[in-house]
Amino acid sequence: QVQLVESGGGLVQAGGSLRLSCAASGRTWSLYAMAWFRRAPGEEREFVAAVSWTGGNTFYADSVKGRFTISRDGAQNKVFLQMNTLKPEDAAVYYCAAGGSEHCSGYGCYRANEYDYWGQGTQVTVSP
């Protein structure tokens, strides 16, 4: 089992920045990738970004490319999502996900059901 704990959400004005963190513990050696998804009220959960656990490959949704950066700290078993130039439409509950497969590590996995472990979520609110 792997446990994920997110932090760093909050309220920010449009154009501002936030940095989300996700700490992984447990059987982290079994992971191939970690990702961030988000769910806005009334919407389905959507992929935001992913990073391979060992190689550092990164993958992004088109809606966040150039504004968000995903990174990992292997020594601390943490993944970060730096969010810049935030827009009101970025407001959502952001979830950290982990697991995947070797395919995810090399080519990216964009569907929620490709990940095995989930955090509890952290709220991001963006005011106009």
Protein backbone atom coordinates (compact mmCIF):
# COMPACT_ATOMS: atom_id res chain seq x y z
CA GLN A 1 0.00 0.00 0.00
CA VAL A 2 0.96 3.59 -0.61
CA GLN A 3 -0.36 6.56 1.35
CA LEU A 4 -0.60 10.02 -0.21
CA VAL A 5 -1.05 13.29 1.65
CA GLU A 6 -1.60 16.55 -0.23
CA SER A 7 -1.01 20.06 1.04
CA GLY A 8 -0.72 23.59 -0.27
CA GLY A 9 -4.20 24.42 -1.47
CA GLY A 10 -5.88 27.70 -0.64
CA LEU A 11 -7.40 30.89 -1.97
CA VAL A 12 -5.56 32.99 -4.53
CA GLN A 13 -6.45 35.81 -6.87
CA ALA A 14 -6.49 35.25 -10.60
CA GLY A 15 -2.98 35.61 -11.96
CA GLY A 16 -1.46 34.40 -8.73
CA SER A 17 0.46 31.24 -7.87
CA LEU A 18 0.16 28.24 -5.57
CA ARG A 19 2.36 25.23 -4.97
CA LEU A 20 0.80 21.90 -4.12
CA SER A 21 2.74 19.11 -2.44
CA CYS A 22 2.06 15.40 -2.23
CA ALA A 23 3.98 13.21 0.18
CA ALA A 24 4.06 9.48 -0.53
CA SER A 25 4.79 6.80 2.05
CA GLY A 26 4.66 3.04 2.16
CA ARG A 27 5.57 0.86 -0.83
CA THR A 28 6.84 3.72 -2.96
CA TRP A 29 9.28 1.44 -4.77
CA SER A 30 6.27 -0.06 -6.54
CA LEU A 31 5.34 3.23 -8.21
CA TYR A 32 5.85 4.06 -11.85
CA ALA A 33 4.28 7.50 -11.93
CA MET A 34 2.54 10.15 -9.90
CA ALA A 35 -0.02 12.60 -11.14
CA TRP A 36 -2.37 15.41 -10.27
CA PHE A 37 -6.03 15.36 -11.19
CA ARG A 38 -8.69 17.90 -10.37
CA ARG A 39 -12.46 17.99 -10.04
CA ALA A 40 -14.50 21.16 -10.20
CA PRO A 41 -18.09 21.23 -8.89
CA GLY A 42 -20.41 19.47 -11.30
CA GLU A 43 -17.52 18.31 -13.46
CA GLU A 44 -15.73 15.03 -13.93
CA ARG A 45 -12.28 14.42 -12.57
CA GLU A 46 -9.71 15.54 -15.14
CA PHE A 47 -6.02 14.94 -15.64
CA VAL A 48 -3.70 17.85 -14.91
CA ALA A 49 -0.11 16.61 -14.95
CA ALA A 50 2.02 13.51 -14.34
CA VAL A 51 5.65 12.66 -13.72
CA SER A 52 7.42 9.34 -13.99
CA TRP A 53 8.72 8.16 -10.65
CA THR A 54 12.21 7.25 -11.79
CA GLY A 55 12.94 8.99 -15.06
CA GLY A 56 11.48 12.41 -14.48
CA ASN A 57 9.38 12.42 -17.67
CA THR A 58 6.56 14.93 -17.41
CA PHE A 59 3.17 15.13 -19.06
CA TYR A 60 0.60 17.91 -19.02
CA ALA A 61 -2.98 18.62 -19.98
CA ASP A 62 -3.17 21.21 -22.75
CA SER A 63 -5.12 23.54 -20.46
CA VAL A 64 -2.19 23.93 -18.06
CA LYS A 65 0.85 23.70 -20.34
CA GLY A 66 3.15 26.66 -19.85
CA ARG A 67 1.50 27.60 -16.54
CA PHE A 68 1.86 24.52 -14.32
CA THR A 69 5.02 22.56 -13.57
CA ILE A 70 5.13 19.11 -11.99
CA SER A 71 8.30 17.95 -10.29
CA ARG A 72 9.43 15.26 -7.90
CA ASP A 73 11.89 14.88 -5.06
CA GLY A 74 12.88 11.25 -4.98
CA ALA A 75 14.80 11.55 -1.74
CA GLN A 76 11.73 12.84 0.10
CA ASN A 77 9.18 10.83 -1.88
CA LYS A 78 7.34 14.01 -2.76
CA VAL A 79 5.74 15.43 -5.87
CA PHE A 80 4.98 19.10 -6.38
CA LEU A 81 2.67 21.05 -8.65
CA GLN A 82 3.71 24.65 -9.16
CA MET A 83 0.71 26.54 -10.49
CA ASN A 84 1.31 29.99 -11.99
CA THR A 85 -0.97 32.46 -13.73
CA LEU A 86 -3.98 30.83 -12.12
CA LYS A 87 -7.38 31.35 -13.70
CA PRO A 88 -10.84 31.08 -12.14
CA GLU A 89 -11.40 27.94 -14.21
CA ASP A 90 -8.48 26.28 -12.39
CA ALA A 91 -10.52 26.26 -9.18
CA ALA A 92 -11.17 22.68 -8.10
CA VAL A 93 -10.27 20.02 -5.60
CA TYR A 94 -6.85 18.75 -6.62
CA TYR A 95 -6.00 15.10 -6.04
CA CYS A 96 -2.63 13.43 -5.99
CA ALA A 97 -2.51 9.99 -7.59
CA ALA A 98 0.16 7.31 -7.74
CA GLY A 99 0.79 3.93 -9.26
CA GLY A 100 0.52 3.26 -12.94
CA SER A 101 2.63 0.99 -15.04
CA GLU A 102 5.82 1.01 -17.06
CA HIS A 103 3.77 2.49 -19.89
CA CYS A 104 2.88 5.43 -17.66
CA SER A 105 6.53 6.05 -16.93
CA GLY A 106 7.48 6.36 -20.58
CA TYR A 107 4.37 7.60 -22.34
CA GLY A 108 2.17 9.09 -19.65
CA CYS A 109 -1.12 7.90 -18.23
CA TYR A 110 -4.01 10.31 -18.40
CA ARG A 111 -6.94 8.31 -17.05
CA ALA A 112 -7.83 8.10 -13.38
CA ASN A 113 -8.30 4.34 -13.51
CA GLU A 114 -4.66 3.91 -14.45
CA TYR A 115 -3.61 4.96 -10.95
CA ASP A 116 -3.91 2.81 -7.86
CA TYR A 117 -3.60 5.22 -4.95
CA TRP A 118 -5.23 8.56 -4.22
CA GLY A 119 -4.89 11.34 -1.71
CA GLN A 120 -7.79 13.02 0.05
CA GLY A 121 -7.67 16.15 -2.09
CA THR A 122 -6.85 19.78 -1.45
CA GLN A 123 -9.07 22.71 -2.39
CA VAL A 124 -7.81 25.42 -4.75
CA THR A 125 -9.99 28.52 -5.04
CA VAL A 126 -9.22 31.27 -7.55
CA SER A 127 -11.02 34.59 -7.19
CA PRO A 128 -11.58 36.76 -10.30
